[in-house]
Amino acid sequence: MDSIENLNRKLKKIQTEIRDYQKSCKHENQHIKFNIKNSARWYCKTCEFELRIPSENELKEWVKK
């Protein structure tokens, strides 16, 4: 089993890789889903980057689905 120090090092490396991947993503496919605070947000389907808050009309259409 790895030590906490090694696990934190691996975690930091993976978080950096995710951040770099999200920066290079074009965010062409988007969808609305809830974030960890249970607020609806637009996310990229490819990289899971939180993009923006949906408008009231977008939320109404999403709820209808």
PDB file of N, CA and C in Angstrom:
ATOM      1  N   MET A   1       0.842  -1.184   0.000  1.00  0.00           N
ATOM      2  CA  MET A   1       0.000   0.000   0.000  1.00  0.00           C
ATOM      3  C   MET A   1       0.885   1.244   0.000  1.00  0.00           C
ATOM      4  N   ASP A   2       0.484   2.229  -0.812  1.00  0.00           N
ATOM      5  CA  ASP A   2       1.238   3.486  -0.896  1.00  0.00           C
ATOM      6  C   ASP A   2       1.047   4.326   0.355  1.00  0.00           C
ATOM      7  N   SER A   3       2.037   5.139   0.619  1.00  0.00           N
ATOM      8  CA  SER A   3       1.909   6.089   1.730  1.00  0.00           C
ATOM      9  C   SER A   3       1.012   7.242   1.292  1.00  0.00           C
ATOM     10  N   ILE A   4       0.515   7.982   2.243  1.00  0.00           N
ATOM     11  CA  ILE A   4      -0.323   9.143   1.949  1.00  0.00           C
ATOM     12  C   ILE A   4       0.442  10.144   1.095  1.00  0.00           C
ATOM     13  N   GLU A   5       1.709  10.298   1.368  1.00  0.00           N
ATOM     14  CA  GLU A   5       2.536  11.230   0.595  1.00  0.00           C
ATOM     15  C   GLU A   5       2.568  10.824  -0.877  1.00  0.00           C
ATOM     16  N   ASN A   6       2.769   9.542  -1.146  1.00  0.00           N
ATOM     17  CA  ASN A   6       2.789   9.060  -2.529  1.00  0.00           C
ATOM     18  C   ASN A   6       1.425   9.194  -3.197  1.00  0.00           C
ATOM     19  N   LEU A   7       0.377   8.891  -2.453  1.00  0.00           N
ATOM     20  CA  LEU A   7      -0.972   9.017  -3.006  1.00  0.00           C
ATOM     21  C   LEU A   7      -1.293  10.474  -3.332  1.00  0.00           C
ATOM     22  N   ASN A   8      -0.914  11.398  -2.471  1.00  0.00           N
ATOM     23  CA  ASN A   8      -1.140  12.823  -2.737  1.00  0.00           C
ATOM     24  C   ASN A   8      -0.353  13.292  -3.951  1.00  0.00           C
ATOM     25  N   ARG A   9       0.840  12.777  -4.126  1.00  0.00           N
ATOM     26  CA  ARG A   9       1.655  13.113  -5.292  1.00  0.00           C
ATOM     27  C   ARG A   9       0.963  12.631  -6.571  1.00  0.00           C
ATOM     28  N   LYS A  10       0.466  11.388  -6.536  1.00  0.00           N
ATOM     29  CA  LYS A  10      -0.252  10.837  -7.696  1.00  0.00           C
ATOM     30  C   LYS A  10      -1.519  11.638  -7.978  1.00  0.00           C
ATOM     31  N   LEU A  11      -2.242  11.992  -6.922  1.00  0.00           N
ATOM     32  CA  LEU A  11      -3.470  12.769  -7.064  1.00  0.00           C
ATOM     33  C   LEU A  11      -3.185  14.110  -7.719  1.00  0.00           C
ATOM     34  N   LYS A  12      -2.161  14.790  -7.271  1.00  0.00           N
ATOM     35  CA  LYS A  12      -1.798  16.099  -7.841  1.00  0.00           C
ATOM     36  C   LYS A  12      -1.458  15.962  -9.322  1.00  0.00           C
ATOM     37  N   LYS A  13      -0.741  14.899  -9.681  1.00  0.00           N
ATOM     38  CA  LYS A  13      -0.380  14.666 -11.078  1.00  0.00           C
ATOM     39  C   LYS A  13      -1.631  14.428 -11.919  1.00  0.00           C
ATOM     40  N   ILE A  14      -2.549  13.633 -11.424  1.00  0.00           N
ATOM     41  CA  ILE A  14      -3.774  13.343 -12.161  1.00  0.00           C
ATOM     42  C   ILE A  14      -4.638  14.596 -12.281  1.00  0.00           C
ATOM     43  N   GLN A  15      -4.725  15.389 -11.222  1.00  0.00           N
ATOM     44  CA  GLN A  15      -5.497  16.627 -11.278  1.00  0.00           C
ATOM     45  C   GLN A  15      -4.926  17.583 -12.313  1.00  0.00           C
ATOM     46  N   THR A  16      -3.611  17.632 -12.428  1.00  0.00           N
ATOM     47  CA  THR A  16      -2.961  18.469 -13.443  1.00  0.00           C
ATOM     48  C   THR A  16      -3.286  17.955 -14.840  1.00  0.00           C
ATOM     49  N   GLU A  17      -3.255  16.648 -15.027  1.00  0.00           N
ATOM     50  CA  GLU A  17      -3.597  16.055 -16.320  1.00  0.00           C
ATOM     51  C   GLU A  17      -5.042  16.371 -16.700  1.00  0.00           C
ATOM     52  N   ILE A  18      -5.953  16.272 -15.743  1.00  0.00           N
ATOM     53  CA  ILE A  18      -7.361  16.581 -16.001  1.00  0.00           C
ATOM     54  C   ILE A  18      -7.518  18.052 -16.380  1.00  0.00           C
ATOM     55  N   ARG A  19      -6.877  18.937 -15.647  1.00  0.00           N
ATOM     56  CA  ARG A  19      -6.947  20.369 -15.933  1.00  0.00           C
ATOM     57  C   ARG A  19      -6.423  20.676 -17.339  1.00  0.00           C
ATOM     58  N   ASP A  20      -5.306  20.056 -17.719  1.00  0.00           N
ATOM     59  CA  ASP A  20      -4.741  20.265 -19.054  1.00  0.00           C
ATOM     60  C   ASP A  20      -5.674  19.731 -20.139  1.00  0.00           C
ATOM     61  N   TYR A  21      -6.267  18.574 -19.886  1.00  0.00           N
ATOM     62  CA  TYR A  21      -7.214  17.980 -20.839  1.00  0.00           C
ATOM     63  C   TYR A  21      -8.413  18.910 -21.022  1.00  0.00           C
ATOM     64  N   GLN A  22      -8.949  19.430 -19.919  1.00  0.00           N
ATOM     65  CA  GLN A  22     -10.105  20.315 -19.986  1.00  0.00           C
ATOM     66  C   GLN A  22      -9.769  21.627 -20.695  1.00  0.00           C
ATOM     67  N   LYS A  23      -8.574  22.134 -20.508  1.00  0.00           N
ATOM     68  CA  LYS A  23      -8.168  23.376 -21.185  1.00  0.00           C
ATOM     69  C   LYS A  23      -8.096  23.197 -22.697  1.00  0.00           C
ATOM     70  N   SER A  24      -7.697  22.018 -23.150  1.00  0.00           N
ATOM     71  CA  SER A  24      -7.551  21.791 -24.583  1.00  0.00           C
ATOM     72  C   SER A  24      -8.849  21.326 -25.252  1.00  0.00           C
ATOM     73  N   CYS A  25      -9.853  20.979 -24.445  1.00  0.00           N
ATOM     74  CA  CYS A  25     -11.131  20.498 -24.974  1.00  0.00           C
ATOM     75  C   CYS A  25     -11.915  21.654 -25.595  1.00  0.00           C
ATOM     76  N   LYS A  26     -12.629  21.372 -26.681  1.00  0.00           N
ATOM     77  CA  LYS A  26     -13.436  22.393 -27.353  1.00  0.00           C
ATOM     78  C   LYS A  26     -14.853  22.498 -26.772  1.00  0.00           C
ATOM     79  N   HIS A  27     -15.235  21.608 -25.883  1.00  0.00           N
ATOM     80  CA  HIS A  27     -16.541  21.612 -25.214  1.00  0.00           C
ATOM     81  C   HIS A  27     -17.700  21.656 -26.211  1.00  0.00           C
ATOM     82  N   GLU A  28     -17.622  20.823 -27.240  1.00  0.00           N
ATOM     83  CA  GLU A  28     -18.640  20.835 -28.292  1.00  0.00           C
ATOM     84  C   GLU A  28     -19.935  20.149 -27.870  1.00  0.00           C
ATOM     85  N   ASN A  29     -19.874  19.138 -27.037  1.00  0.00           N
ATOM     86  CA  ASN A  29     -21.062  18.417 -26.589  1.00  0.00           C
ATOM     87  C   ASN A  29     -21.320  18.759 -25.135  1.00  0.00           C
ATOM     88  N   GLN A  30     -22.469  19.402 -24.888  1.00  0.00           N
ATOM     89  CA  GLN A  30     -22.768  19.874 -23.546  1.00  0.00           C
ATOM     90  C   GLN A  30     -24.093  19.310 -23.052  1.00  0.00           C
ATOM     91  N   HIS A  31     -24.219  19.219 -21.745  1.00  0.00           N
ATOM     92  CA  HIS A  31     -25.463  18.771 -21.138  1.00  0.00           C
ATOM     93  C   HIS A  31     -25.596  19.407 -19.759  1.00  0.00           C
ATOM     94  N   ILE A  32     -26.824  19.429 -19.270  1.00  0.00           N
ATOM     95  CA  ILE A  32     -27.088  19.973 -17.940  1.00  0.00           C
ATOM     96  C   ILE A  32     -27.110  18.820 -16.948  1.00  0.00           C
ATOM     97  N   LYS A  33     -26.458  19.026 -15.829  1.00  0.00           N
ATOM     98  CA  LYS A  33     -26.518  18.063 -14.730  1.00  0.00           C
ATOM     99  C   LYS A  33     -26.251  18.818 -13.432  1.00  0.00           C
ATOM    100  N   PHE A  34     -26.473  18.134 -12.319  1.00  0.00           N
ATOM    101  CA  PHE A  34     -26.266  18.764 -11.020  1.00  0.00           C
ATOM    102  C   PHE A  34     -24.810  18.657 -10.591  1.00  0.00           C
ATOM    103  N   ASN A  35     -24.311  19.733  -9.970  1.00  0.00           N
ATOM    104  CA  ASN A  35     -22.959  19.707  -9.413  1.00  0.00           C
ATOM    105  C   ASN A  35     -23.009  19.155  -7.993  1.00  0.00           C
ATOM    106  N   ILE A  36     -21.893  19.179  -7.292  1.00  0.00           N
ATOM    107  CA  ILE A  36     -21.839  18.595  -5.946  1.00  0.00           C
ATOM    108  C   ILE A  36     -22.669  19.375  -4.928  1.00  0.00           C
ATOM    109  N   LYS A  37     -23.061  20.599  -5.264  1.00  0.00           N
ATOM    110  CA  LYS A  37     -23.906  21.409  -4.382  1.00  0.00           C
ATOM    111  C   LYS A  37     -25.378  21.317  -4.781  1.00  0.00           C
ATOM    112  N   ASN A  38     -25.695  20.370  -5.671  1.00  0.00           N
ATOM    113  CA  ASN A  38     -27.054  20.153  -6.171  1.00  0.00           C
ATOM    114  C   ASN A  38     -27.624  21.362  -6.903  1.00  0.00           C
ATOM    115  N   SER A  39     -26.775  22.064  -7.641  1.00  0.00           N
ATOM    116  CA  SER A  39     -27.188  23.159  -8.502  1.00  0.00           C
ATOM    117  C   SER A  39     -27.013  22.714  -9.944  1.00  0.00           C
ATOM    118  N   ALA A  40     -27.987  22.990 -10.789  1.00  0.00           N
ATOM    119  CA  ALA A  40     -27.902  22.609 -12.201  1.00  0.00           C
ATOM    120  C   ALA A  40     -26.873  23.489 -12.906  1.00  0.00           C
ATOM    121  N   ARG A  41     -26.036  22.851 -13.711  1.00  0.00           N
ATOM    122  CA  ARG A  41     -25.003  23.559 -14.473  1.00  0.00           C
ATOM    123  C   ARG A  41     -24.836  22.881 -15.833  1.00  0.00           C
ATOM    124  N   TRP A  42     -24.360  23.663 -16.809  1.00  0.00           N
ATOM    125  CA  TRP A  42     -23.958  23.092 -18.084  1.00  0.00           C
ATOM    126  C   TRP A  42     -22.557  22.506 -17.925  1.00  0.00           C
ATOM    127  N   TYR A  43     -22.380  21.270 -18.403  1.00  0.00           N
ATOM    128  CA  TYR A  43     -21.089  20.586 -18.373  1.00  0.00           C
ATOM    129  C   TYR A  43     -20.744  20.094 -19.770  1.00  0.00           C
ATOM    130  N   CYS A  44     -19.465  19.988 -20.030  1.00  0.00           N
ATOM    131  CA  CYS A  44     -18.982  19.361 -21.254  1.00  0.00           C
ATOM    132  C   CYS A  44     -19.127  17.845 -21.085  1.00  0.00           C
ATOM    133  N   LYS A  45     -19.708  17.181 -22.085  1.00  0.00           N
ATOM    134  CA  LYS A  45     -19.868  15.728 -22.012  1.00  0.00           C
ATOM    135  C   LYS A  45     -18.538  14.999 -22.167  1.00  0.00           C
ATOM    136  N   THR A  46     -17.595  15.627 -22.837  1.00  0.00           N
ATOM    137  CA  THR A  46     -16.306  14.985 -23.098  1.00  0.00           C
ATOM    138  C   THR A  46     -15.368  15.050 -21.907  1.00  0.00           C
ATOM    139  N   CYS A  47     -15.227  16.244 -21.317  1.00  0.00           N
ATOM    140  CA  CYS A  47     -14.216  16.418 -20.262  1.00  0.00           C
ATOM    141  C   CYS A  47     -14.806  16.713 -18.882  1.00  0.00           C
ATOM    142  N   GLU A  48     -16.132  16.822 -18.796  1.00  0.00           N
ATOM    143  CA  GLU A  48     -16.820  17.072 -17.522  1.00  0.00           C
ATOM    144  C   GLU A  48     -16.480  18.427 -16.891  1.00  0.00           C
ATOM    145  N   PHE A  49     -16.095  19.392 -17.704  1.00  0.00           N
ATOM    146  CA  PHE A  49     -15.790  20.738 -17.207  1.00  0.00           C
ATOM    147  C   PHE A  49     -17.092  21.498 -16.988  1.00  0.00           C
ATOM    148  N   GLU A  50     -17.230  22.147 -15.834  1.00  0.00           N
ATOM    149  CA  GLU A  50     -18.418  22.954 -15.555  1.00  0.00           C
ATOM    150  C   GLU A  50     -18.307  24.251 -16.352  1.00  0.00           C
ATOM    151  N   LEU A  51     -19.283  24.491 -17.244  1.00  0.00           N
ATOM    152  CA  LEU A  51     -19.191  25.605 -18.172  1.00  0.00           C
ATOM    153  C   LEU A  51     -19.919  26.863 -17.717  1.00  0.00           C
ATOM    154  N   ARG A  52     -21.196  26.698 -17.334  1.00  0.00           N
ATOM    155  CA  ARG A  52     -21.969  27.888 -16.988  1.00  0.00           C
ATOM    156  C   ARG A  52     -23.269  27.495 -16.302  1.00  0.00           C
ATOM    157  N   ILE A  53     -23.977  28.512 -15.829  1.00  0.00           N
ATOM    158  CA  ILE A  53     -25.292  28.321 -15.212  1.00  0.00           C
ATOM    159  C   ILE A  53     -26.335  28.370 -16.332  1.00  0.00           C
ATOM    160  N   PRO A  54     -27.251  27.418 -16.372  1.00  0.00           N
ATOM    161  CA  PRO A  54     -28.291  27.455 -17.411  1.00  0.00           C
ATOM    162  C   PRO A  54     -29.287  28.592 -17.160  1.00  0.00           C
ATOM    163  N   SER A  55     -29.853  29.091 -18.252  1.00  0.00           N
ATOM    164  CA  SER A  55     -30.877  30.127 -18.134  1.00  0.00           C
ATOM    165  C   SER A  55     -32.170  29.497 -17.618  1.00  0.00           C
ATOM    166  N   GLU A  56     -33.111  30.345 -17.258  1.00  0.00           N
ATOM    167  CA  GLU A  56     -34.398  29.854 -16.761  1.00  0.00           C
ATOM    168  C   GLU A  56     -35.108  29.017 -17.831  1.00  0.00           C
ATOM    169  N   ASN A  57     -35.067  29.480 -19.077  1.00  0.00           N
ATOM    170  CA  ASN A  57     -35.702  28.735 -20.172  1.00  0.00           C
ATOM    171  C   ASN A  57     -35.004  27.395 -20.418  1.00  0.00           C
ATOM    172  N   GLU A  58     -33.676  27.386 -20.351  1.00  0.00           N
ATOM    173  CA  GLU A  58     -32.934  26.131 -20.529  1.00  0.00           C
ATOM    174  C   GLU A  58     -33.298  25.128 -19.444  1.00  0.00           C
ATOM    175  N   LEU A  59     -33.454  25.604 -18.219  1.00  0.00           N
ATOM    176  CA  LEU A  59     -33.838  24.725 -17.117  1.00  0.00           C
ATOM    177  C   LEU A  59     -35.244  24.160 -17.322  1.00  0.00           C
ATOM    178  N   LYS A  60     -36.165  25.001 -17.777  1.00  0.00           N
ATOM    179  CA  LYS A  60     -37.527  24.533 -18.036  1.00  0.00           C
ATOM    180  C   LYS A  60     -37.537  23.437 -19.093  1.00  0.00           C
ATOM    181  N   GLU A  61     -36.788  23.642 -20.169  1.00  0.00           N
ATOM    182  CA  GLU A  61     -36.702  22.626 -21.237  1.00  0.00           C
ATOM    183  C   GLU A  61     -36.056  21.345 -20.732  1.00  0.00           C
ATOM    184  N   TRP A  62     -35.040  21.472 -19.898  1.00  0.00           N
ATOM    185  CA  TRP A  62     -34.331  20.305 -19.347  1.00  0.00           C
ATOM    186  C   TRP A  62     -35.247  19.493 -18.454  1.00  0.00           C
ATOM    187  N   VAL A  63     -36.042  20.176 -17.641  1.00  0.00           N
ATOM    188  CA  VAL A  63     -36.943  19.483 -16.727  1.00  0.00           C
ATOM    189  C   VAL A  63     -38.022  18.721 -17.508  1.00  0.00           C
ATOM    190  N   LYS A  64     -38.437  19.244 -18.643  1.00  0.00           N
ATOM    191  CA  LYS A  64     -39.458  18.594 -19.473  1.00  0.00           C
ATOM    192  C   LYS A  64     -38.979  17.247 -20.024  1.00  0.00           C
ATOM    193  N   LYS A  65     -37.687  17.075 -20.184  1.00  0.00           N
ATOM    194  CA  LYS A  65     -37.142  15.842 -20.791  1.00  0.00           C
ATOM    195  C   LYS A  65     -37.275  14.660 -19.921  1.00  0.00           C
TER     196      LYS A  65
END
